[in-house]
Amino acid sequence: MARNRDPLALSPNWHLDLRLEAELPEDNVVRTRFVVGAIFGTVALMSLLLLAWIGYTRATLRSDIVEMTRIAEEGKASKREVELMQSEFEAGALKIDHAAKILKTRLLFSEFVANIALSLPPTVMIDQIQLTEDGLSLTGQVASNMEFTRYITALKQNQKFTGVFAEIKQKSFGSSRSGTTFVFDITFRLKPSP
């Protein structure tokens, strides 16, 4: 090269001559490396995306499981509360049904007490009248067993009691603590409401 020549100036043959195929480099190696790299790069990218998707779905599933467990626990607490309220309502309904059953009968308590007083012989003394599940309970004292038998027979034959009560029966009979009288308990079972 000559010294007076500009080093930045282009030479007349500054580019490859593509017409000379024998002097060009082999491009099969470059092409094969590119295709293999592209295939493996695509597979690696797809694997990475699949792994990210699996991780996302697992994290979402975990959070859904935690949320559903919390909702189930709240549901169990609500269910227990509802069952408790239901049992309270059932107990109240039974009381109301029992009261309604008593009210629907043709028995007035004052009338019952008046009829007992009218049918009471002088040797029988009433201590207590109680309301029970099935009707009424009458407790008292009597002078003798024979007087008690006559009294309960008279009650069973009295139309004022047989019209209202399905059954009049002796629940208990025994000696009193003093030993001079006998203590009795008579149950009056109401007839079912029509």
N, C-alpha and C. Protein backbone atom coordinates (compact mmCIF):
# COMPACT_ATOMS: atom_id res chain seq x y z
N MET A 1 0.81 -1.16 0.00
CA MET A 1 0.00 0.00 0.00
C MET A 1 0.87 1.25 0.00
N ALA A 2 0.34 2.19 -0.63
CA ALA A 2 1.10 3.43 -0.73
C ALA A 2 0.79 4.28 0.47
N ARG A 3 1.84 5.10 0.81
CA ARG A 3 1.68 5.93 2.00
C ARG A 3 0.74 7.10 1.78
N ASN A 4 0.63 7.57 0.68
CA ASN A 4 -0.22 8.73 0.46
C ASN A 4 -1.70 8.36 0.31
N ARG A 5 -1.95 7.17 0.38
CA ARG A 5 -3.34 6.71 0.24
C ARG A 5 -4.09 6.87 1.56
N ASP A 6 -5.36 7.28 1.50
CA ASP A 6 -6.19 7.49 2.70
C ASP A 6 -6.60 6.12 3.25
N PRO A 7 -6.32 5.85 4.58
CA PRO A 7 -6.67 4.52 5.12
C PRO A 7 -8.16 4.30 5.24
N LEU A 8 -8.96 5.37 5.28
CA LEU A 8 -10.41 5.20 5.42
C LEU A 8 -11.10 5.10 4.07
N ALA A 9 -10.42 5.32 3.07
CA ALA A 9 -11.04 5.26 1.75
C ALA A 9 -11.27 3.80 1.39
N LEU A 10 -12.35 3.57 0.68
CA LEU A 10 -12.71 2.20 0.31
C LEU A 10 -11.89 1.74 -0.88
N SER A 11 -11.57 0.50 -0.80
CA SER A 11 -10.87 -0.06 -1.95
C SER A 11 -11.91 -0.41 -3.00
N PRO A 12 -11.49 -0.62 -4.16
CA PRO A 12 -12.48 -0.90 -5.19
C PRO A 12 -13.24 -2.20 -4.92
N ASN A 13 -12.67 -3.18 -4.26
CA ASN A 13 -13.36 -4.44 -3.94
C ASN A 13 -13.64 -4.50 -2.43
N TRP A 14 -14.46 -3.68 -1.98
CA TRP A 14 -14.69 -3.57 -0.52
C TRP A 14 -15.73 -4.55 -0.01
N HIS A 15 -16.47 -5.25 -0.84
CA HIS A 15 -17.48 -6.23 -0.38
C HIS A 15 -17.18 -7.59 -0.99
N LEU A 16 -17.86 -8.61 -0.41
CA LEU A 16 -17.65 -9.97 -0.91
C LEU A 16 -18.31 -10.12 -2.27
N ASP A 17 -17.67 -10.86 -3.01
CA ASP A 17 -18.24 -11.13 -4.31
C ASP A 17 -19.05 -12.41 -4.18
N LEU A 18 -20.38 -12.27 -4.24
CA LEU A 18 -21.26 -13.41 -4.03
C LEU A 18 -21.33 -14.31 -5.26
N ARG A 19 -20.72 -13.89 -6.25
CA ARG A 19 -20.74 -14.72 -7.44
C ARG A 19 -19.72 -15.84 -7.36
N LEU A 20 -18.79 -15.72 -6.44
CA LEU A 20 -17.79 -16.77 -6.30
C LEU A 20 -18.21 -17.70 -5.16
N GLU A 21 -18.97 -18.71 -5.47
CA GLU A 21 -19.55 -19.58 -4.45
C GLU A 21 -18.49 -20.42 -3.76
N ALA A 22 -17.44 -20.72 -4.40
CA ALA A 22 -16.42 -21.57 -3.80
C ALA A 22 -15.72 -20.84 -2.67
N GLU A 23 -15.65 -19.53 -2.70
CA GLU A 23 -14.97 -18.78 -1.66
C GLU A 23 -15.89 -18.42 -0.49
N LEU A 24 -17.22 -18.57 -0.62
CA LEU A 24 -18.15 -18.28 0.47
C LEU A 24 -18.04 -19.33 1.58
N PRO A 25 -18.27 -18.90 2.86
CA PRO A 25 -18.21 -19.89 3.94
C PRO A 25 -19.41 -20.84 3.89
N GLU A 26 -19.24 -22.00 4.53
CA GLU A 26 -20.28 -23.04 4.58
C GLU A 26 -21.42 -22.54 5.47
N ASP A 27 -22.63 -22.51 4.99
CA ASP A 27 -23.73 -21.99 5.80
C ASP A 27 -24.62 -23.09 6.39
N ASN A 28 -24.39 -24.34 6.11
CA ASN A 28 -25.17 -25.44 6.70
C ASN A 28 -24.97 -25.51 8.22
N VAL A 29 -23.77 -25.30 8.68
CA VAL A 29 -23.48 -25.37 10.11
C VAL A 29 -24.24 -24.27 10.84
N VAL A 30 -24.22 -23.07 10.30
CA VAL A 30 -24.90 -21.94 10.94
C VAL A 30 -26.41 -22.17 10.92
N ARG A 31 -26.90 -22.63 9.82
CA ARG A 31 -28.33 -22.87 9.70
C ARG A 31 -28.77 -23.97 10.66
N THR A 32 -28.05 -25.04 10.81
CA THR A 32 -28.39 -26.14 11.72
C THR A 32 -28.35 -25.67 13.16
N ARG A 33 -27.31 -24.91 13.52
CA ARG A 33 -27.23 -24.39 14.89
C ARG A 33 -28.41 -23.47 15.20
N PHE A 34 -28.80 -22.66 14.24
CA PHE A 34 -29.93 -21.75 14.46
C PHE A 34 -31.22 -22.53 14.66
N VAL A 35 -31.47 -23.52 13.81
CA VAL A 35 -32.71 -24.30 13.91
C VAL A 35 -32.74 -25.07 15.22
N VAL A 36 -31.64 -25.71 15.61
CA VAL A 36 -31.59 -26.44 16.88
C VAL A 36 -31.77 -25.48 18.04
N GLY A 37 -31.10 -24.35 18.01
CA GLY A 37 -31.25 -23.35 19.07
C GLY A 37 -32.67 -22.82 19.17
N ALA A 38 -33.28 -22.58 18.01
CA ALA A 38 -34.66 -22.10 18.00
C ALA A 38 -35.62 -23.14 18.59
N ILE A 39 -35.43 -24.41 18.23
CA ILE A 39 -36.29 -25.48 18.75
C ILE A 39 -36.12 -25.61 20.26
N PHE A 40 -34.87 -25.71 20.74
CA PHE A 40 -34.63 -25.84 22.17
C PHE A 40 -35.05 -24.58 22.93
N GLY A 41 -34.88 -23.43 22.35
CA GLY A 41 -35.32 -22.19 22.99
C GLY A 41 -36.83 -22.16 23.14
N THR A 42 -37.54 -22.61 22.08
CA THR A 42 -39.00 -22.65 22.14
C THR A 42 -39.48 -23.65 23.19
N VAL A 43 -38.84 -24.83 23.22
CA VAL A 43 -39.20 -25.85 24.22
C VAL A 43 -38.93 -25.31 25.63
N ALA A 44 -37.78 -24.66 25.82
CA ALA A 44 -37.44 -24.11 27.13
C ALA A 44 -38.43 -23.02 27.53
N LEU A 45 -38.81 -22.16 26.59
CA LEU A 45 -39.77 -21.10 26.89
C LEU A 45 -41.15 -21.69 27.22
N MET A 46 -41.58 -22.70 26.46
CA MET A 46 -42.85 -23.36 26.74
C MET A 46 -42.83 -24.06 28.09
N SER A 47 -41.72 -24.70 28.42
CA SER A 47 -41.59 -25.36 29.73
C SER A 47 -41.65 -24.34 30.85
N LEU A 48 -40.99 -23.21 30.65
CA LEU A 48 -41.02 -22.16 31.66
C LEU A 48 -42.43 -21.60 31.83
N LEU A 49 -43.13 -21.37 30.72
CA LEU A 49 -44.51 -20.90 30.80
C LEU A 49 -45.43 -21.92 31.45
N LEU A 50 -45.24 -23.22 31.12
CA LEU A 50 -46.04 -24.29 31.74
C LEU A 50 -45.78 -24.36 33.24
N LEU A 51 -44.53 -24.26 33.63
CA LEU A 51 -44.16 -24.28 35.04
C LEU A 51 -44.78 -23.08 35.77
N ALA A 52 -44.76 -21.92 35.15
CA ALA A 52 -45.37 -20.73 35.76
C ALA A 52 -46.88 -20.92 35.89
N TRP A 53 -47.51 -21.51 34.86
CA TRP A 53 -48.95 -21.74 34.91
C TRP A 53 -49.32 -22.74 36.00
N ILE A 54 -48.55 -23.81 36.13
CA ILE A 54 -48.79 -24.80 37.19
C ILE A 54 -48.64 -24.16 38.56
N GLY A 55 -47.60 -23.36 38.73
CA GLY A 55 -47.41 -22.66 40.00
C GLY A 55 -48.56 -21.73 40.31
N TYR A 56 -49.03 -21.01 39.30
CA TYR A 56 -50.17 -20.09 39.50
C TYR A 56 -51.43 -20.86 39.88
N THR A 57 -51.72 -21.95 39.17
CA THR A 57 -52.94 -22.71 39.48
C THR A 57 -52.84 -23.36 40.86
N ARG A 58 -51.66 -23.82 41.26
CA ARG A 58 -51.51 -24.39 42.60
C ARG A 58 -51.71 -23.34 43.68
N ALA A 59 -51.14 -22.16 43.46
CA ALA A 59 -51.32 -21.07 44.43
C ALA A 59 -52.79 -20.67 44.51
N THR A 60 -53.46 -20.59 43.37
CA THR A 60 -54.89 -20.27 43.35
C THR A 60 -55.70 -21.35 44.05
N LEU A 61 -55.34 -22.61 43.80
CA LEU A 61 -56.03 -23.72 44.43
C LEU A 61 -55.85 -23.69 45.94
N ARG A 62 -54.65 -23.41 46.40
CA ARG A 62 -54.40 -23.32 47.85
C ARG A 62 -55.26 -22.21 48.47
N SER A 63 -55.28 -21.05 47.82
CA SER A 63 -56.07 -19.95 48.39
C SER A 63 -57.56 -20.29 48.35
N ASP A 64 -58.01 -21.00 47.31
CA ASP A 64 -59.41 -21.42 47.25
C ASP A 64 -59.73 -22.43 48.35
N ILE A 65 -58.80 -23.36 48.61
CA ILE A 65 -59.00 -24.34 49.68
C ILE A 65 -59.10 -23.65 51.03
N VAL A 66 -58.22 -22.69 51.27
CA VAL A 66 -58.27 -21.95 52.54
C VAL A 66 -59.60 -21.20 52.67
N GLU A 67 -60.02 -20.57 51.60
CA GLU A 67 -61.29 -19.81 51.62
C GLU A 67 -62.48 -20.73 51.83
N MET A 68 -62.50 -21.87 51.12
CA MET A 68 -63.62 -22.80 51.26
C MET A 68 -63.64 -23.43 52.65
N THR A 69 -62.47 -23.69 53.23
CA THR A 69 -62.41 -24.22 54.59
C THR A 69 -62.98 -23.21 55.58
N ARG A 70 -62.64 -21.94 55.38
CA ARG A 70 -63.17 -20.89 56.25
C ARG A 70 -64.69 -20.80 56.12
N ILE A 71 -65.19 -20.87 54.88
CA ILE A 71 -66.63 -20.81 54.66
C ILE A 71 -67.32 -22.02 55.27
N ALA A 72 -66.69 -23.21 55.16
CA ALA A 72 -67.27 -24.42 55.75
C ALA A 72 -67.33 -24.31 57.27
N GLU A 73 -66.30 -23.77 57.88
CA GLU A 73 -66.30 -23.60 59.34
C GLU A 73 -67.39 -22.62 59.76
N GLU A 74 -67.54 -21.53 59.00
CA GLU A 74 -68.62 -20.59 59.30
C GLU A 74 -69.97 -21.26 59.13
N GLY A 75 -70.08 -22.11 58.12
CA GLY A 75 -71.32 -22.85 57.88
C GLY A 75 -71.63 -23.80 59.02
N LYS A 76 -70.59 -24.48 59.55
CA LYS A 76 -70.80 -25.39 60.68
C LYS A 76 -71.27 -24.61 61.91
N ALA A 77 -70.65 -23.46 62.15
CA ALA A 77 -71.06 -22.64 63.29
C ALA A 77 -72.50 -22.17 63.11
N SER A 78 -72.84 -21.77 61.89
CA SER A 78 -74.21 -21.33 61.61
C SER A 78 -75.18 -22.49 61.76
N LYS A 79 -74.76 -23.68 61.32
CA LYS A 79 -75.63 -24.85 61.43
C LYS A 79 -75.88 -25.18 62.89
N ARG A 80 -74.83 -25.14 63.71
CA ARG A 80 -75.01 -25.42 65.15
C ARG A 80 -75.95 -24.40 65.77
N GLU A 81 -75.79 -23.15 65.38
CA GLU A 81 -76.65 -22.09 65.91
C GLU A 81 -78.10 -22.32 65.48
N VAL A 82 -78.30 -22.70 64.22
CA VAL A 82 -79.65 -22.96 63.73
C VAL A 82 -80.25 -24.18 64.43
N GLU A 83 -79.46 -25.23 64.64
CA GLU A 83 -79.96 -26.41 65.34
C GLU A 83 -80.34 -26.08 66.78
N LEU A 84 -79.54 -25.24 67.44
CA LEU A 84 -79.85 -24.82 68.80
C LEU A 84 -81.16 -24.02 68.82
N MET A 85 -81.29 -23.09 67.88
CA MET A 85 -82.52 -22.31 67.81
C MET A 85 -83.72 -23.21 67.49
N GLN A 86 -83.50 -24.19 66.63
CA GLN A 86 -84.58 -25.10 66.26
C GLN A 86 -85.03 -25.92 67.46
N SER A 87 -84.08 -26.40 68.26
CA SER A 87 -84.46 -27.16 69.45
C SER A 87 -85.19 -26.28 70.46
N GLU A 88 -84.77 -25.01 70.58
CA GLU A 88 -85.48 -24.09 71.47
C GLU A 88 -86.90 -23.84 70.96
N PHE A 89 -87.03 -23.66 69.64
CA PHE A 89 -88.37 -23.45 69.07
C PHE A 89 -89.25 -24.69 69.26
N GLU A 90 -88.65 -25.87 69.08
CA GLU A 90 -89.42 -27.10 69.27
C GLU A 90 -89.90 -27.23 70.71
N ALA A 91 -89.02 -26.90 71.67
CA ALA A 91 -89.42 -26.96 73.08
C ALA A 91 -90.54 -25.95 73.35
N GLY A 92 -90.40 -24.76 72.79
CA GLY A 92 -91.46 -23.76 72.96
C GLY A 92 -92.75 -24.18 72.29
N ALA A 93 -92.64 -24.82 71.10
CA ALA A 93 -93.83 -25.28 70.38
C ALA A 93 -94.54 -26.37 71.17
N LEU A 94 -93.78 -27.26 71.81
CA LEU A 94 -94.40 -28.30 72.63
C LEU A 94 -95.17 -27.69 73.79
N LYS A 95 -94.58 -26.67 74.42
CA LYS A 95 -95.27 -26.00 75.52
C LYS A 95 -96.55 -25.33 75.02
N ILE A 96 -96.44 -24.68 73.86
CA ILE A 96 -97.62 -24.01 73.30
C ILE A 96 -98.68 -25.04 72.91
N ASP A 97 -98.26 -26.15 72.31
CA ASP A 97 -99.22 -27.20 71.95
C ASP A 97 -99.90 -27.77 73.18
N HIS A 98 -99.12 -27.96 74.24
CA HIS A 98 -99.69 -28.48 75.48
C HIS A 98 -100.71 -27.49 76.06
N ALA A 99 -100.34 -26.21 76.05
CA ALA A 99 -101.27 -25.19 76.56
C ALA A 99 -102.51 -25.11 75.68
N ALA A 100 -102.32 -25.20 74.36
CA ALA A 100 -103.46 -25.15 73.45
C ALA A 100 -104.36 -26.36 73.65
N LYS A 101 -103.76 -27.50 73.90
CA LYS A 101 -104.54 -28.72 74.14
C LYS A 101 -105.41 -28.55 75.38
N ILE A 102 -104.82 -27.96 76.40
CA ILE A 102 -105.58 -27.74 77.63
C ILE A 102 -106.68 -26.71 77.39
N LEU A 103 -106.36 -25.67 76.64
CA LEU A 103 -107.35 -24.62 76.39
C LEU A 103 -108.48 -25.11 75.50
N LYS A 104 -108.20 -26.06 74.59
CA LYS A 104 -109.22 -26.55 73.69
C LYS A 104 -110.19 -27.52 74.38
N THR A 105 -109.80 -28.07 75.50
CA THR A 105 -110.70 -28.98 76.20
C THR A 105 -111.87 -28.18 76.75
N ARG A 106 -112.87 -28.90 77.09
CA ARG A 106 -114.05 -28.25 77.60
C ARG A 106 -113.97 -28.03 79.10
N LEU A 107 -112.78 -28.16 79.64
CA LEU A 107 -112.61 -28.06 81.08
C LEU A 107 -112.18 -26.65 81.46
N LEU A 108 -112.89 -26.06 82.37
CA LEU A 108 -112.45 -24.84 83.00
C LEU A 108 -111.95 -25.22 84.37
N PHE A 109 -110.81 -24.70 84.74
CA PHE A 109 -110.20 -25.10 86.01
C PHE A 109 -111.12 -24.75 87.18
N SER A 110 -111.72 -23.59 87.13
CA SER A 110 -112.63 -23.20 88.23
C SER A 110 -113.82 -24.15 88.31
N GLU A 111 -114.29 -24.57 87.13
CA GLU A 111 -115.41 -25.53 87.11
C GLU A 111 -114.97 -26.87 87.68
N PHE A 112 -113.74 -27.28 87.34
CA PHE A 112 -113.21 -28.54 87.87
C PHE A 112 -113.12 -28.48 89.40
N VAL A 113 -112.57 -27.39 89.93
CA VAL A 113 -112.43 -27.25 91.38
C VAL A 113 -113.81 -27.24 92.05
N ALA A 114 -114.78 -26.57 91.44
CA ALA A 114 -116.14 -26.53 92.00
C ALA A 114 -116.75 -27.92 92.01
N ASN A 115 -116.57 -28.69 90.92
CA ASN A 115 -117.11 -30.05 90.86
C ASN A 115 -116.44 -30.97 91.88
N ILE A 116 -115.14 -30.79 92.07
CA ILE A 116 -114.43 -31.59 93.10
C ILE A 116 -114.99 -31.24 94.48
N ALA A 117 -115.18 -29.96 94.72
CA ALA A 117 -115.69 -29.54 96.03
C ALA A 117 -117.09 -30.08 96.28
N LEU A 118 -117.92 -30.11 95.25
CA LEU A 118 -119.28 -30.62 95.41
C LEU A 118 -119.30 -32.13 95.62
N SER A 119 -118.37 -32.84 95.01
CA SER A 119 -118.36 -34.30 95.11
C SER A 119 -117.54 -34.80 96.30
N LEU A 120 -116.96 -33.92 97.06
CA LEU A 120 -116.04 -34.29 98.14
C LEU A 120 -116.80 -34.74 99.40
N PRO A 121 -116.61 -36.00 99.85
CA PRO A 121 -117.23 -36.43 101.11
C PRO A 121 -116.51 -35.80 102.31
N PRO A 122 -117.13 -35.78 103.48
CA PRO A 122 -116.53 -35.13 104.64
C PRO A 122 -115.24 -35.81 105.13
N THR A 123 -115.02 -37.07 104.80
CA THR A 123 -113.82 -37.78 105.28
C THR A 123 -112.63 -37.61 104.36
N VAL A 124 -112.80 -36.93 103.23
CA VAL A 124 -111.71 -36.74 102.26
C VAL A 124 -111.29 -35.28 102.28
N MET A 125 -109.95 -35.07 102.29
CA MET A 125 -109.40 -33.72 102.29
C MET A 125 -108.41 -33.61 101.12
N ILE A 126 -108.58 -32.56 100.30
CA ILE A 126 -107.71 -32.34 99.13
C ILE A 126 -106.56 -31.44 99.56
N ASP A 127 -105.32 -31.87 99.26
CA ASP A 127 -104.12 -31.09 99.58
C ASP A 127 -103.63 -30.27 98.39
N GLN A 128 -103.69 -30.85 97.19
CA GLN A 128 -103.08 -30.18 96.04
C GLN A 128 -103.72 -30.65 94.74
N ILE A 129 -103.88 -29.71 93.81
CA ILE A 129 -104.32 -30.01 92.44
C ILE A 129 -103.23 -29.48 91.52
N GLN A 130 -102.70 -30.37 90.68
CA GLN A 130 -101.59 -30.00 89.78
C GLN A 130 -101.96 -30.27 88.34
N LEU A 131 -101.43 -29.43 87.45
CA LEU A 131 -101.56 -29.63 86.01
C LEU A 131 -100.41 -30.52 85.57
N THR A 132 -100.71 -31.61 84.85
CA THR A 132 -99.68 -32.53 84.36
C THR A 132 -99.70 -32.55 82.84
N GLU A 133 -98.85 -33.38 82.26
CA GLU A 133 -98.78 -33.50 80.80
C GLU A 133 -100.10 -33.97 80.21
N ASP A 134 -100.73 -34.94 80.85
CA ASP A 134 -101.94 -35.55 80.29
C ASP A 134 -103.23 -34.92 80.82
N GLY A 135 -103.17 -34.20 81.93
CA GLY A 135 -104.39 -33.65 82.50
C GLY A 135 -104.12 -33.01 83.84
N LEU A 136 -104.78 -33.58 84.88
CA LEU A 136 -104.67 -33.04 86.24
C LEU A 136 -104.32 -34.15 87.22
N SER A 137 -103.70 -33.75 88.31
CA SER A 137 -103.36 -34.68 89.39
C SER A 137 -103.94 -34.11 90.68
N LEU A 138 -104.63 -34.98 91.43
CA LEU A 138 -105.29 -34.58 92.67
C LEU A 138 -104.68 -35.38 93.81
N THR A 139 -104.08 -34.69 94.79
CA THR A 139 -103.50 -35.38 95.96
C THR A 139 -104.24 -34.92 97.21
N GLY A 140 -104.37 -35.86 98.14
CA GLY A 140 -105.08 -35.52 99.37
C GLY A 140 -104.98 -36.63 100.41
N GLN A 141 -105.85 -36.54 101.42
CA GLN A 141 -105.86 -37.51 102.52
C GLN A 141 -107.29 -38.01 102.71
N VAL A 142 -107.38 -39.26 103.17
CA VAL A 142 -108.67 -39.89 103.42
C VAL A 142 -108.57 -40.70 104.72
N ALA A 143 -109.71 -40.87 105.39
CA ALA A 143 -109.70 -41.54 106.68
C ALA A 143 -109.49 -43.05 106.56
N SER A 144 -110.06 -43.68 105.51
CA SER A 144 -109.93 -45.14 105.40
C SER A 144 -109.85 -45.55 103.94
N ASN A 145 -109.47 -46.78 103.75
CA ASN A 145 -109.36 -47.35 102.41
C ASN A 145 -110.74 -47.46 101.79
N MET A 146 -111.74 -47.84 102.57
CA MET A 146 -113.08 -48.01 102.07
C MET A 146 -113.65 -46.66 101.61
N GLU A 147 -113.38 -45.59 102.36
CA GLU A 147 -113.84 -44.26 101.97
C GLU A 147 -113.18 -43.83 100.65
N PHE A 148 -111.90 -44.13 100.48
CA PHE A 148 -111.19 -43.79 99.23
C PHE A 148 -111.78 -44.54 98.06
N THR A 149 -112.10 -45.84 98.25
CA THR A 149 -112.68 -46.64 97.18
C THR A 149 -114.03 -46.07 96.77
N ARG A 150 -114.84 -45.70 97.73
CA ARG A 150 -116.15 -45.10 97.42
C ARG A 150 -115.97 -43.77 96.67
N TYR A 151 -114.98 -42.97 97.10
CA TYR A 151 -114.76 -41.66 96.49
C TYR A 151 -114.30 -41.78 95.04
N ILE A 152 -113.35 -42.65 94.77
CA ILE A 152 -112.85 -42.78 93.38
C ILE A 152 -113.92 -43.41 92.49
N THR A 153 -114.74 -44.30 93.04
CA THR A 153 -115.85 -44.87 92.27
C THR A 153 -116.87 -43.79 91.92
N ALA A 154 -117.16 -42.91 92.90
CA ALA A 154 -118.10 -41.81 92.65
C ALA A 154 -117.56 -40.85 91.60
N LEU A 155 -116.24 -40.59 91.60
CA LEU A 155 -115.64 -39.72 90.59
C LEU A 155 -115.76 -40.34 89.20
N LYS A 156 -115.53 -41.64 89.10
CA LYS A 156 -115.59 -42.32 87.80
C LYS A 156 -117.01 -42.38 87.24
N GLN A 157 -118.01 -42.28 88.11
CA GLN A 157 -119.40 -42.34 87.66
C GLN A 157 -120.02 -40.96 87.48
N ASN A 158 -119.35 -39.92 87.91
CA ASN A 158 -119.87 -38.56 87.82
C ASN A 158 -119.79 -38.08 86.37
N GLN A 159 -120.94 -37.68 85.80
CA GLN A 159 -121.02 -37.25 84.40
C GLN A 159 -120.21 -35.97 84.15
N LYS A 160 -120.05 -35.15 85.15
CA LYS A 160 -119.29 -33.91 84.99
C LYS A 160 -117.81 -34.20 84.74
N PHE A 161 -117.31 -35.34 85.22
CA PHE A 161 -115.90 -35.71 85.01
C PHE A 161 -115.73 -36.63 83.81
N THR A 162 -116.65 -37.58 83.61
CA THR A 162 -116.50 -38.53 82.50
C THR A 162 -116.70 -37.87 81.16
N GLY A 163 -117.37 -36.72 81.09
CA GLY A 163 -117.54 -36.01 79.83
C GLY A 163 -116.25 -35.32 79.38
N VAL A 164 -115.37 -35.01 80.34
CA VAL A 164 -114.15 -34.26 80.03
C VAL A 164 -112.91 -35.15 80.07
N PHE A 165 -112.89 -36.12 80.97
CA PHE A 165 -111.70 -36.94 81.18
C PHE A 165 -111.87 -38.32 80.58
N ALA A 166 -110.84 -38.78 79.91
CA ALA A 166 -110.84 -40.11 79.31
C ALA A 166 -110.63 -41.18 80.37
N GLU A 167 -109.89 -40.84 81.40
CA GLU A 167 -109.57 -41.84 82.43
C GLU A 167 -109.37 -41.14 83.77
N ILE A 168 -109.92 -41.75 84.81
CA ILE A 168 -109.70 -41.31 86.18
C ILE A 168 -109.17 -42.53 86.91
N LYS A 169 -107.91 -42.44 87.37
CA LYS A 169 -107.32 -43.63 87.99
C LYS A 169 -106.46 -43.25 89.19
N GLN A 170 -106.31 -44.23 90.05
CA GLN A 170 -105.50 -44.09 91.27
C GLN A 170 -104.04 -44.22 90.87
N LYS A 171 -103.27 -43.20 91.21
CA LYS A 171 -101.84 -43.25 90.90
C LYS A 171 -101.08 -43.85 92.08
N SER A 172 -101.44 -43.42 93.29
CA SER A 172 -100.78 -43.98 94.48
C SER A 172 -101.73 -43.91 95.66
N PHE A 173 -101.48 -44.80 96.62
CA PHE A 173 -102.27 -44.84 97.86
C PHE A 173 -101.39 -45.45 98.95
N GLY A 174 -101.33 -44.79 100.10
CA GLY A 174 -100.50 -45.31 101.19
C GLY A 174 -100.77 -44.57 102.48
N SER A 175 -100.14 -45.06 103.55
CA SER A 175 -100.30 -44.45 104.87
C SER A 175 -99.59 -43.10 104.93
N SER A 176 -100.16 -42.18 105.71
CA SER A 176 -99.52 -40.88 105.91
C SER A 176 -98.43 -41.03 106.96
N ARG A 177 -97.67 -39.99 107.19
CA ARG A 177 -96.59 -40.03 108.18
C ARG A 177 -97.13 -40.18 109.60
N SER A 178 -98.28 -39.59 109.84
CA SER A 178 -98.85 -39.69 111.19
C SER A 178 -99.42 -41.07 111.45
N GLY A 179 -99.81 -41.77 110.38
CA GLY A 179 -100.34 -43.12 110.52
C GLY A 179 -101.82 -43.16 110.78
N THR A 180 -102.48 -42.03 110.96
CA THR A 180 -103.92 -41.99 111.25
C THR A 180 -104.77 -41.88 110.00
N THR A 181 -104.18 -41.39 108.90
CA THR A 181 -104.92 -41.25 107.63
C THR A 181 -104.12 -41.89 106.50
N PHE A 182 -104.75 -41.90 105.34
CA PHE A 182 -104.10 -42.43 104.14
C PHE A 182 -103.91 -41.29 103.13
N VAL A 183 -102.79 -41.34 102.41
CA VAL A 183 -102.48 -40.34 101.38
C VAL A 183 -102.75 -40.96 100.02
N PHE A 184 -103.38 -40.19 99.14
CA PHE A 184 -103.69 -40.71 97.81
C PHE A 184 -103.31 -39.70 96.73
N ASP A 185 -103.22 -40.23 95.51
CA ASP A 185 -102.94 -39.41 94.32
C ASP A 185 -103.81 -39.97 93.20
N ILE A 186 -104.68 -39.12 92.65
CA ILE A 186 -105.58 -39.53 91.57
C ILE A 186 -105.21 -38.74 90.32
N THR A 187 -105.13 -39.43 89.18
CA THR A 187 -104.80 -38.79 87.91
C THR A 187 -106.06 -38.70 87.05
N PHE A 188 -106.31 -37.52 86.52
CA PHE A 188 -107.41 -37.27 85.59
C PHE A 188 -106.80 -37.03 84.22
N ARG A 189 -106.94 -37.98 83.29
CA ARG A 189 -106.35 -37.83 81.95
C ARG A 189 -107.41 -37.27 81.01
N LEU A 190 -107.08 -36.13 80.37
CA LEU A 190 -108.03 -35.45 79.48
C LEU A 190 -108.30 -36.26 78.22
N LYS A 191 -109.51 -36.09 77.70
CA LYS A 191 -109.85 -36.69 76.40
C LYS A 191 -109.12 -35.91 75.32
N PRO A 192 -108.75 -36.55 74.23
CA PRO A 192 -108.11 -35.81 73.15
C PRO A 192 -109.07 -34.77 72.58
N SER A 193 -108.51 -33.68 72.11
CA SER A 193 -109.31 -32.60 71.54
C SER A 193 -109.96 -33.06 70.24
N PRO A 194 -111.21 -32.66 69.98
CA PRO A 194 -111.87 -33.07 68.74
C PRO A 194 -111.27 -32.38 67.54
